[in-house]
Protein backbone atom coordinates (compact mmCIF):
# COMPACT_ATOMS: atom_id res chain seq x y z
CA MET A 1 64.89 13.80 34.51
CA PRO A 2 67.59 16.39 35.20
CA THR A 3 70.54 16.69 32.88
CA PRO A 4 73.92 15.66 34.38
CA LYS A 5 74.77 19.27 35.28
CA GLU A 6 71.40 19.96 36.96
CA LYS A 7 70.80 18.99 40.57
CA ARG A 8 67.82 16.83 41.35
CA LYS A 9 65.15 18.78 43.19
CA TYR A 10 64.10 16.27 45.85
CA ARG A 11 61.84 18.68 47.71
CA ARG A 12 59.85 19.57 44.61
CA GLU A 13 59.72 15.89 43.62
CA TYR A 14 58.29 15.00 47.02
CA ASP A 15 55.77 17.84 46.99
CA GLU A 16 54.55 17.11 43.47
CA TYR A 17 54.46 13.30 43.61
CA HIS A 18 55.56 11.40 46.72
CA GLY A 19 53.78 13.77 49.13
CA THR A 20 50.37 13.57 47.49
CA GLU A 21 47.59 11.95 49.46
CA GLU A 22 47.21 9.17 46.90
CA GLN A 23 50.90 8.23 47.11
CA LYS A 24 50.84 8.35 50.92
CA LYS A 25 47.91 5.91 50.93
CA ARG A 26 49.68 3.59 48.49
CA ARG A 27 52.88 3.67 50.52
CA ALA A 28 50.94 2.91 53.72
CA ALA A 29 49.23 -0.06 51.99
CA ARG A 30 52.59 -1.40 50.78
CA ASN A 31 54.15 -1.02 54.26
CA LYS A 32 51.16 -2.73 55.89
CA ALA A 33 51.37 -5.67 53.44
CA ARG A 34 55.11 -6.03 54.17
CA ARG A 35 54.55 -6.02 57.93
CA GLU A 36 51.67 -8.52 57.81
CA SER A 37 53.58 -10.88 55.61
CA GLY A 38 56.60 -10.89 57.93
CA LEU A 39 59.11 -9.12 55.68
CA LYS A 40 61.76 -7.15 57.60
CA LYS A 41 63.59 -3.95 56.69
CA GLY A 42 66.34 -4.70 54.19
CA ASP A 43 64.70 -7.83 52.82
CA PRO A 44 64.92 -7.45 49.03
CA ARG A 45 61.68 -9.37 48.43
CA GLU A 46 58.35 -7.63 48.19
CA ALA A 47 54.77 -8.29 49.22
CA ASP A 48 52.77 -8.44 46.00
CA HIS A 49 49.02 -8.43 45.74
CA LYS A 50 48.00 -11.45 43.63
CA LYS A 51 44.97 -9.53 42.40
CA PRO A 52 45.94 -5.87 42.29
CA LEU A 53 44.10 -3.48 44.62
CA SER A 54 43.46 -1.30 41.57
CA LYS A 55 41.54 -4.23 40.02
CA GLY A 56 39.41 -4.91 43.11
CA GLY A 57 41.78 -7.20 45.06
CA SER A 58 41.54 -7.36 48.83
CA PRO A 59 44.25 -5.95 51.05
CA GLY A 60 44.28 -9.09 53.24
CA LEU A 61 47.00 -11.73 53.55
CA GLU A 62 45.06 -14.21 51.40
CA ASN A 63 45.77 -11.87 48.44
CA VAL A 64 49.51 -11.38 49.20
CA ALA A 65 52.43 -13.29 47.72
CA ILE A 66 56.14 -12.80 48.54
CA VAL A 67 58.04 -12.24 45.30
CA SER A 68 61.32 -10.77 44.05
CA GLN A 69 61.38 -7.12 43.11
CA LYS A 70 61.99 -8.09 39.49
CA GLU A 71 58.91 -10.32 39.38
CA ASN A 72 56.77 -7.66 41.06
CA ARG A 73 57.88 -4.98 38.56
CA GLU A 74 57.26 -7.37 35.66
CA LYS A 75 53.75 -8.15 36.90
CA ALA A 76 52.86 -4.50 37.54
CA ASP A 77 49.04 -4.42 37.87
CA THR A 78 48.46 -7.70 36.03
CA ASP A 79 46.56 -10.42 37.82
CA TYR A 80 49.02 -12.93 39.40
CA TYR A 81 47.32 -15.95 37.87
CA THR A 82 47.15 -14.37 34.38
CA LEU A 83 50.90 -13.70 34.52
CA LYS A 84 51.65 -17.28 35.62
CA GLU A 85 49.53 -18.61 32.71
CA LYS A 86 51.30 -16.35 30.19
CA LYS A 87 54.71 -17.58 31.44
CA ARG A 88 53.58 -21.22 31.29
CA LYS A 89 52.36 -20.81 27.71
CA ALA A 90 55.59 -19.03 26.65
CA TYR A 91 57.64 -21.83 28.25
CA THR A 92 55.69 -24.66 26.56
CA LYS A 93 55.77 -22.82 23.25
CA SER A 94 59.56 -22.38 23.38
CA GLY A 95 59.94 -26.09 24.22
CA ASP A 96 58.32 -27.21 20.93
């Protein structure tokens, strides 16, 4: 991260990270999931893979859920059902 006096080097950042083949493929998969789930540009929700692609999930609609950006970042590459179970247990535990 640049210091406040340094300018951010967007071109270098793109070349070293965002422009890599792996990132282009990931971006294409995210955009495809958004289109197929009916999300439009500007919609703050995200298409989330219930079972992450990195864990063997399918790219099809049956594996996609529409969630808030916060929930998607919280989940990261955790299985959707595992996260829901953890939340349920935490909720019931706090209710005791």
